[in-house]
Structures are given as C-alpha cells and as structure tokens.
C-alpha cells in the first residue's frame, strides 16, 4: 500500500478529470469502464460508486478473492496517472454507504454499492519526460 501523492489525489478528486477503471475477467480479458462517481477518501483509499458495473463488479470480486489488482487511469489535460490498486472492501450498507447513496441520489443515480480500493503503486502516464515512470 502507498499513499497517493497530493497532485494525484487532487486529480482523482477533480470532477472534470476522466477516470477509467480497468479490471480482469476470469478468462483473462481486460474490461474498461468510465467511472465518473469515484474519488479519494484519503491518500490510501479510493472509492468507486457501483451503479451498473455488472462485469466490473464481478471482476473486482475476483480481484479481491485472488488478491490481484485493478487499475484506475485518471487524466486531465497534460496530467495522467495510473493507480494500480488492490480491493479493500465492498460496501452495501453502513454510514459511509448511506452518505454516498444520498449524494448519488441527488444526481439521479441509484447507488448499489461502493468499492474501496487501496493504491499499491502510482505511475506517471503523462505525455511528458516523466511519463512511464513509477512515482510511488
């Protein structure tokens, strides 16, 4: 587990940033989805709201069981970071879930669950001289 650097955490919490979640299916195929309802709770916890996420949800359950990773690519302008994460938890009740469910409802979304991911490493994927380098 690593702590997200401040600039990465800021971008993860930027509502205007593109966020793509990559997961692996049991047959080895990679599955990618856009996850607008996501952010960082703290430097060691990323949340992804589960609204539809049928295939991704199954893949995250598999990653949790097999102790493998998912990956979140977050980009805006010239900034782009890949955050490789392990699955920490899947919430479908409790205070944090209830609070997020209310927030999602205000945007006309029915939240089914909240996936909590733990960053394991962060790669700079920006189109700059630092691109392709591991940050933490």
N, C-alpha and C. Protein backbone atom coordinates (compact mmCIF):
# COMPACT_ATOMS: atom_id res chain seq x y z
N UNK A 1 0.84 -1.17 0.00
CA UNK A 1 0.00 0.00 0.00
C UNK A 1 0.89 1.24 0.00
N UNK A 2 0.46 2.25 -0.77
CA UNK A 2 1.16 3.53 -0.81
C UNK A 2 0.15 4.65 -0.61
N UNK A 3 0.66 5.81 -0.26
CA UNK A 3 -0.18 7.00 -0.16
C UNK A 3 -0.12 7.74 -1.49
N UNK A 4 -1.27 8.19 -1.96
CA UNK A 4 -1.30 8.96 -3.20
C UNK A 4 -0.56 10.28 -3.01
N UNK A 5 0.33 10.65 -3.92
CA UNK A 5 0.92 11.99 -3.87
C UNK A 5 -0.20 13.04 -4.00
N UNK A 6 0.02 14.21 -3.43
CA UNK A 6 -1.02 15.24 -3.39
C UNK A 6 -1.55 15.60 -4.78
N UNK A 7 -0.67 15.74 -5.79
CA UNK A 7 -1.15 16.12 -7.11
C UNK A 7 -2.02 15.02 -7.73
N UNK A 8 -1.71 13.76 -7.42
CA UNK A 8 -2.51 12.65 -7.92
C UNK A 8 -3.86 12.63 -7.21
N UNK A 9 -3.85 12.81 -5.90
CA UNK A 9 -5.10 12.82 -5.13
C UNK A 9 -6.01 13.97 -5.59
N UNK A 10 -5.42 15.12 -5.86
CA UNK A 10 -6.20 16.26 -6.35
C UNK A 10 -6.87 15.92 -7.67
N UNK A 11 -6.14 15.26 -8.57
CA UNK A 11 -6.70 14.90 -9.87
C UNK A 11 -7.78 13.82 -9.72
N UNK A 12 -7.58 12.87 -8.84
CA UNK A 12 -8.59 11.82 -8.60
C UNK A 12 -9.89 12.45 -8.12
N UNK A 13 -9.80 13.53 -7.35
CA UNK A 13 -11.00 14.19 -6.82
C UNK A 13 -11.54 15.29 -7.73
N UNK A 14 -10.92 15.51 -8.86
CA UNK A 14 -11.37 16.52 -9.82
C UNK A 14 -12.54 15.96 -10.63
N UNK A 15 -13.70 16.57 -10.49
CA UNK A 15 -14.90 16.09 -11.19
C UNK A 15 -14.77 16.21 -12.71
N UNK A 16 -13.87 17.04 -13.19
CA UNK A 16 -13.66 17.21 -14.63
C UNK A 16 -12.65 16.26 -15.23
N UNK A 17 -11.99 15.46 -14.39
CA UNK A 17 -10.99 14.52 -14.88
C UNK A 17 -11.67 13.25 -15.40
N UNK A 18 -11.08 12.67 -16.42
CA UNK A 18 -11.56 11.37 -16.94
C UNK A 18 -10.97 10.28 -16.06
N UNK A 19 -11.81 9.31 -15.68
CA UNK A 19 -11.37 8.21 -14.83
C UNK A 19 -11.83 6.90 -15.46
N UNK A 20 -10.86 6.04 -15.78
CA UNK A 20 -11.14 4.77 -16.43
C UNK A 20 -10.68 3.65 -15.49
N UNK A 21 -11.60 2.73 -15.16
CA UNK A 21 -11.28 1.59 -14.31
C UNK A 21 -11.04 0.37 -15.18
N UNK A 22 -9.90 -0.25 -14.98
CA UNK A 22 -9.55 -1.48 -15.70
C UNK A 22 -9.56 -2.65 -14.74
N UNK A 23 -10.28 -3.72 -15.13
CA UNK A 23 -10.33 -4.94 -14.32
C UNK A 23 -10.05 -6.14 -15.23
N UNK A 24 -9.78 -7.28 -14.61
CA UNK A 24 -9.51 -8.51 -15.36
C UNK A 24 -10.60 -9.52 -15.08
N UNK A 25 -11.16 -10.09 -16.15
CA UNK A 25 -12.19 -11.12 -16.03
C UNK A 25 -11.53 -12.47 -15.76
N UNK A 26 -12.33 -13.43 -15.36
CA UNK A 26 -11.80 -14.77 -15.05
C UNK A 26 -11.15 -15.44 -16.27
N UNK A 27 -11.56 -15.06 -17.48
CA UNK A 27 -10.95 -15.65 -18.68
C UNK A 27 -9.69 -14.87 -19.13
N UNK A 28 -9.32 -13.86 -18.36
CA UNK A 28 -8.12 -13.09 -18.66
C UNK A 28 -8.36 -11.82 -19.45
N UNK A 29 -9.57 -11.65 -19.97
CA UNK A 29 -9.87 -10.44 -20.74
C UNK A 29 -9.83 -9.20 -19.84
N UNK A 30 -9.40 -8.08 -20.40
CA UNK A 30 -9.40 -6.80 -19.70
C UNK A 30 -10.73 -6.10 -19.99
N UNK A 31 -11.29 -5.51 -18.96
CA UNK A 31 -12.56 -4.79 -19.08
C UNK A 31 -12.34 -3.36 -18.59
N UNK A 32 -12.73 -2.37 -19.40
CA UNK A 32 -12.55 -0.96 -19.06
C UNK A 32 -13.89 -0.25 -19.01
N UNK A 33 -14.06 0.60 -17.99
CA UNK A 33 -15.27 1.43 -17.91
C UNK A 33 -14.90 2.83 -17.42
N UNK A 34 -15.73 3.78 -17.78
CA UNK A 34 -15.61 5.14 -17.29
C UNK A 34 -16.29 5.20 -15.92
N UNK A 35 -15.59 5.72 -14.90
CA UNK A 35 -16.17 5.79 -13.56
C UNK A 35 -16.19 7.24 -13.08
N UNK A 36 -17.27 7.93 -13.43
CA UNK A 36 -17.42 9.32 -13.01
C UNK A 36 -17.63 9.45 -11.51
N UNK A 37 -18.31 8.50 -10.91
CA UNK A 37 -18.60 8.52 -9.47
C UNK A 37 -17.48 7.87 -8.69
N UNK A 38 -16.34 8.55 -8.65
CA UNK A 38 -15.19 8.00 -7.94
C UNK A 38 -14.37 9.14 -7.38
N UNK A 39 -13.49 8.81 -6.44
CA UNK A 39 -12.64 9.82 -5.84
C UNK A 39 -11.76 9.19 -4.78
N UNK A 40 -11.02 10.03 -4.08
CA UNK A 40 -10.16 9.57 -3.00
C UNK A 40 -10.74 10.04 -1.67
N UNK A 41 -10.97 9.10 -0.77
CA UNK A 41 -11.45 9.43 0.57
C UNK A 41 -10.29 10.00 1.38
N UNK A 42 -9.13 9.39 1.21
CA UNK A 42 -7.88 9.82 1.84
C UNK A 42 -6.76 9.30 0.95
N UNK A 43 -5.50 9.62 1.26
CA UNK A 43 -4.41 9.20 0.36
C UNK A 43 -4.24 7.69 0.19
N UNK A 44 -4.90 6.89 1.04
CA UNK A 44 -4.75 5.44 0.96
C UNK A 44 -6.05 4.72 0.60
N UNK A 45 -7.09 5.50 0.22
CA UNK A 45 -8.38 4.88 -0.11
C UNK A 45 -9.06 5.60 -1.26
N UNK A 46 -9.32 4.85 -2.33
CA UNK A 46 -10.08 5.36 -3.48
C UNK A 46 -11.44 4.68 -3.45
N UNK A 47 -12.49 5.44 -3.74
CA UNK A 47 -13.82 4.83 -3.83
C UNK A 47 -14.31 4.87 -5.27
N UNK A 48 -15.08 3.86 -5.62
CA UNK A 48 -15.75 3.81 -6.92
C UNK A 48 -17.20 3.44 -6.63
N UNK A 49 -18.11 4.31 -7.02
CA UNK A 49 -19.53 4.05 -6.83
C UNK A 49 -20.03 3.03 -7.84
N UNK A 50 -20.75 2.05 -7.33
CA UNK A 50 -21.32 0.99 -8.18
C UNK A 50 -22.76 1.34 -8.52
N UNK A 51 -22.97 1.67 -9.78
CA UNK A 51 -24.32 2.00 -10.24
C UNK A 51 -24.81 0.87 -11.15
N UNK A 52 -24.08 0.61 -12.22
CA UNK A 52 -24.40 -0.51 -13.10
C UNK A 52 -23.34 -1.60 -12.87
N UNK A 53 -22.13 -1.40 -13.30
CA UNK A 53 -20.95 -2.22 -13.03
C UNK A 53 -21.16 -3.72 -12.91
N UNK A 54 -21.89 -4.30 -13.81
CA UNK A 54 -22.10 -5.75 -13.75
C UNK A 54 -20.79 -6.52 -13.92
N UNK A 55 -20.14 -6.38 -15.06
CA UNK A 55 -18.89 -7.10 -15.33
C UNK A 55 -17.77 -6.61 -14.41
N UNK A 56 -17.65 -5.30 -14.24
CA UNK A 56 -16.59 -4.77 -13.38
C UNK A 56 -16.76 -5.22 -11.94
N UNK A 57 -18.00 -5.26 -11.47
CA UNK A 57 -18.26 -5.73 -10.11
C UNK A 57 -17.81 -7.17 -9.91
N UNK A 58 -18.13 -8.02 -10.88
CA UNK A 58 -17.69 -9.42 -10.80
C UNK A 58 -16.16 -9.51 -10.84
N UNK A 59 -15.55 -8.68 -11.69
CA UNK A 59 -14.10 -8.69 -11.79
C UNK A 59 -13.43 -8.18 -10.51
N UNK A 60 -14.04 -7.19 -9.86
CA UNK A 60 -13.49 -6.69 -8.60
C UNK A 60 -13.62 -7.74 -7.49
N UNK A 61 -14.73 -8.49 -7.50
CA UNK A 61 -14.87 -9.60 -6.54
C UNK A 61 -13.77 -10.63 -6.76
N UNK A 62 -13.49 -10.92 -8.02
CA UNK A 62 -12.43 -11.87 -8.37
C UNK A 62 -11.06 -11.35 -7.91
N UNK A 63 -10.81 -10.08 -8.14
CA UNK A 63 -9.54 -9.48 -7.73
C UNK A 63 -9.39 -9.53 -6.21
N UNK A 64 -10.48 -9.30 -5.50
CA UNK A 64 -10.44 -9.35 -4.04
C UNK A 64 -10.13 -10.78 -3.57
N UNK A 65 -10.78 -11.74 -4.20
CA UNK A 65 -10.60 -13.15 -3.83
C UNK A 65 -9.18 -13.64 -4.16
N UNK A 66 -8.70 -13.30 -5.35
CA UNK A 66 -7.40 -13.78 -5.81
C UNK A 66 -6.23 -12.89 -5.40
N UNK A 67 -6.55 -11.78 -4.74
CA UNK A 67 -5.51 -10.82 -4.31
C UNK A 67 -4.73 -10.26 -5.51
N UNK A 68 -5.47 -9.99 -6.60
CA UNK A 68 -4.88 -9.34 -7.76
C UNK A 68 -5.32 -7.87 -7.76
N UNK A 69 -4.96 -7.15 -8.80
CA UNK A 69 -5.21 -5.71 -8.81
C UNK A 69 -6.17 -5.28 -9.91
N UNK A 70 -6.73 -4.12 -9.67
CA UNK A 70 -7.45 -3.36 -10.69
C UNK A 70 -6.59 -2.12 -10.94
N UNK A 71 -6.92 -1.36 -11.97
CA UNK A 71 -6.14 -0.18 -12.29
C UNK A 71 -7.08 0.97 -12.60
N UNK A 72 -6.76 2.14 -12.07
CA UNK A 72 -7.53 3.35 -12.36
C UNK A 72 -6.62 4.32 -13.09
N UNK A 73 -7.04 4.71 -14.30
CA UNK A 73 -6.32 5.73 -15.06
C UNK A 73 -7.09 7.02 -14.90
N UNK A 74 -6.43 8.05 -14.42
CA UNK A 74 -7.08 9.35 -14.24
C UNK A 74 -6.30 10.38 -15.06
N UNK A 75 -7.03 11.16 -15.88
CA UNK A 75 -6.38 12.09 -16.80
C UNK A 75 -7.16 13.38 -16.94
N UNK A 76 -6.40 14.46 -17.12
CA UNK A 76 -6.99 15.76 -17.46
C UNK A 76 -5.87 16.61 -18.04
N UNK A 77 -6.10 17.12 -19.24
CA UNK A 77 -5.07 17.93 -19.89
C UNK A 77 -3.78 17.14 -20.06
N UNK A 78 -2.69 17.69 -19.60
CA UNK A 78 -1.39 17.04 -19.73
C UNK A 78 -1.05 16.14 -18.54
N UNK A 79 -1.96 15.99 -17.59
CA UNK A 79 -1.72 15.11 -16.44
C UNK A 79 -2.41 13.78 -16.65
N UNK A 80 -1.70 12.71 -16.38
CA UNK A 80 -2.28 11.37 -16.49
C UNK A 80 -1.52 10.43 -15.57
N UNK A 81 -2.27 9.70 -14.73
CA UNK A 81 -1.66 8.79 -13.77
C UNK A 81 -2.41 7.46 -13.76
N UNK A 82 -1.64 6.37 -13.68
CA UNK A 82 -2.23 5.06 -13.49
C UNK A 82 -2.02 4.67 -12.04
N UNK A 83 -3.12 4.30 -11.37
CA UNK A 83 -3.05 3.87 -9.98
C UNK A 83 -3.45 2.41 -9.94
N UNK A 84 -2.48 1.55 -9.63
CA UNK A 84 -2.75 0.12 -9.51
C UNK A 84 -3.19 -0.14 -8.07
N UNK A 85 -4.34 -0.80 -7.93
CA UNK A 85 -4.98 -0.93 -6.62
C UNK A 85 -5.37 -2.36 -6.30
N UNK A 86 -5.35 -2.66 -5.02
CA UNK A 86 -5.96 -3.90 -4.54
C UNK A 86 -7.35 -3.54 -4.01
N UNK A 87 -8.22 -4.52 -3.96
CA UNK A 87 -9.59 -4.29 -3.49
C UNK A 87 -9.59 -4.40 -1.97
N UNK A 88 -10.02 -3.33 -1.34
CA UNK A 88 -10.05 -3.25 0.12
C UNK A 88 -11.38 -3.75 0.67
N UNK A 89 -12.50 -3.30 0.06
CA UNK A 89 -13.81 -3.65 0.59
C UNK A 89 -14.90 -3.32 -0.44
N UNK A 90 -16.07 -3.87 -0.20
CA UNK A 90 -17.27 -3.57 -1.00
C UNK A 90 -18.39 -3.28 -0.01
N UNK A 91 -18.83 -2.05 0.03
CA UNK A 91 -19.86 -1.63 1.00
C UNK A 91 -21.24 -1.60 0.35
N UNK A 92 -22.21 -2.17 1.03
CA UNK A 92 -23.60 -2.09 0.58
C UNK A 92 -24.51 -1.60 1.71
N UNK A 93 -23.91 -1.23 2.83
CA UNK A 93 -24.65 -0.67 3.96
C UNK A 93 -23.65 0.05 4.87
N UNK A 94 -24.19 0.74 5.85
CA UNK A 94 -23.34 1.45 6.81
C UNK A 94 -23.31 2.94 6.55
N UNK A 95 -22.73 3.69 7.47
CA UNK A 95 -22.73 5.16 7.39
C UNK A 95 -22.10 5.72 6.12
N UNK A 96 -20.94 5.19 5.72
CA UNK A 96 -20.28 5.70 4.52
C UNK A 96 -21.14 5.42 3.28
N UNK A 97 -21.67 4.20 3.19
CA UNK A 97 -22.53 3.85 2.06
C UNK A 97 -23.77 4.76 2.04
N UNK A 98 -24.41 4.94 3.20
CA UNK A 98 -25.62 5.77 3.27
C UNK A 98 -25.35 7.20 2.82
N UNK A 99 -24.23 7.75 3.24
CA UNK A 99 -23.88 9.12 2.86
C UNK A 99 -23.66 9.21 1.34
N UNK A 100 -22.94 8.24 0.79
CA UNK A 100 -22.68 8.26 -0.65
C UNK A 100 -23.96 7.99 -1.44
N UNK A 101 -24.82 7.12 -0.93
CA UNK A 101 -26.09 6.83 -1.60
C UNK A 101 -26.92 8.10 -1.74
N UNK A 102 -26.94 8.90 -0.70
CA UNK A 102 -27.67 10.17 -0.72
C UNK A 102 -27.07 11.13 -1.75
N UNK A 103 -25.75 11.19 -1.81
CA UNK A 103 -25.07 12.06 -2.78
C UNK A 103 -25.38 11.61 -4.21
N UNK A 104 -25.31 10.30 -4.47
CA UNK A 104 -25.59 9.78 -5.80
C UNK A 104 -27.06 10.00 -6.16
N UNK A 105 -27.96 9.86 -5.18
CA UNK A 105 -29.40 10.07 -5.43
C UNK A 105 -29.66 11.51 -5.87
N UNK A 106 -28.91 12.47 -5.33
CA UNK A 106 -29.09 13.87 -5.73
C UNK A 106 -28.72 14.08 -7.19
N UNK A 107 -27.93 13.14 -7.76
CA UNK A 107 -27.56 13.21 -9.18
C UNK A 107 -28.41 12.26 -10.02
N UNK A 108 -29.46 11.70 -9.40
CA UNK A 108 -30.41 10.80 -10.07
C UNK A 108 -29.82 9.43 -10.38
N UNK A 109 -28.90 8.96 -9.53
CA UNK A 109 -28.31 7.63 -9.68
C UNK A 109 -28.66 6.78 -8.46
N UNK A 110 -28.96 5.51 -8.70
CA UNK A 110 -29.25 4.57 -7.63
C UNK A 110 -27.98 3.79 -7.30
N UNK A 111 -27.33 4.17 -6.22
CA UNK A 111 -26.09 3.53 -5.83
C UNK A 111 -26.36 2.13 -5.27
N UNK A 112 -25.69 1.13 -5.86
CA UNK A 112 -25.86 -0.26 -5.42
C UNK A 112 -24.79 -0.67 -4.41
N UNK A 113 -23.61 -0.06 -4.53
CA UNK A 113 -22.50 -0.39 -3.64
C UNK A 113 -21.37 0.60 -3.82
N UNK A 114 -20.41 0.52 -2.93
CA UNK A 114 -19.21 1.36 -3.01
C UNK A 114 -18.00 0.43 -2.90
N UNK A 115 -17.17 0.45 -3.91
CA UNK A 115 -15.93 -0.31 -3.89
C UNK A 115 -14.83 0.57 -3.32
N UNK A 116 -14.09 0.04 -2.35
CA UNK A 116 -12.96 0.75 -1.77
C UNK A 116 -11.69 0.07 -2.27
N UNK A 117 -10.82 0.86 -2.86
CA UNK A 117 -9.57 0.36 -3.44
C UNK A 117 -8.38 0.96 -2.70
N UNK A 118 -7.34 0.16 -2.54
CA UNK A 118 -6.12 0.58 -1.84
C UNK A 118 -5.01 0.73 -2.87
N UNK A 119 -4.47 1.95 -3.05
CA UNK A 119 -3.38 2.13 -4.02
C UNK A 119 -2.15 1.31 -3.63
N UNK A 120 -1.61 0.56 -4.60
CA UNK A 120 -0.39 -0.21 -4.39
C UNK A 120 0.81 0.47 -5.04
N UNK A 121 0.58 1.15 -6.16
CA UNK A 121 1.64 1.92 -6.81
C UNK A 121 1.00 2.93 -7.76
N UNK A 122 1.74 3.97 -8.07
CA UNK A 122 1.26 5.03 -8.96
C UNK A 122 2.31 5.27 -10.03
N UNK A 123 1.85 5.29 -11.28
CA UNK A 123 2.72 5.53 -12.43
C UNK A 123 2.31 6.83 -13.10
N UNK A 124 3.29 7.63 -13.46
CA UNK A 124 3.04 8.84 -14.23
C UNK A 124 2.88 8.42 -15.69
N UNK A 125 1.73 8.65 -16.25
CA UNK A 125 1.45 8.30 -17.65
C UNK A 125 1.21 9.56 -18.50
N UNK A 126 1.69 10.70 -17.98
CA UNK A 126 1.54 11.97 -18.70
C UNK A 126 2.42 11.97 -19.94
N UNK A 127 2.00 12.70 -20.98
CA UNK A 127 2.82 12.80 -22.19
C UNK A 127 3.94 13.83 -21.98
N UNK A 128 4.83 13.51 -21.02
CA UNK A 128 5.95 14.38 -20.69
C UNK A 128 7.20 13.52 -20.52
N UNK A 129 8.33 14.17 -20.20
CA UNK A 129 9.57 13.43 -19.98
C UNK A 129 9.47 12.48 -18.79
N UNK A 130 8.57 12.77 -17.86
CA UNK A 130 8.39 11.90 -16.68
C UNK A 130 7.42 10.76 -16.94
N UNK A 131 6.78 10.76 -18.10
CA UNK A 131 5.82 9.72 -18.44
C UNK A 131 6.46 8.33 -18.43
N UNK A 132 5.70 7.36 -17.92
CA UNK A 132 6.18 5.99 -17.88
C UNK A 132 7.03 5.67 -16.66
N UNK A 133 7.10 6.59 -15.73
CA UNK A 133 7.91 6.37 -14.53
C UNK A 133 7.03 6.11 -13.31
N UNK A 134 7.49 5.19 -12.48
CA UNK A 134 6.78 4.89 -11.23
C UNK A 134 7.04 6.05 -10.25
N UNK A 135 5.96 6.55 -9.66
CA UNK A 135 6.07 7.66 -8.72
C UNK A 135 6.23 7.15 -7.28
N UNK A 136 5.37 6.22 -6.90
CA UNK A 136 5.42 5.59 -5.57
C UNK A 136 4.98 4.15 -5.71
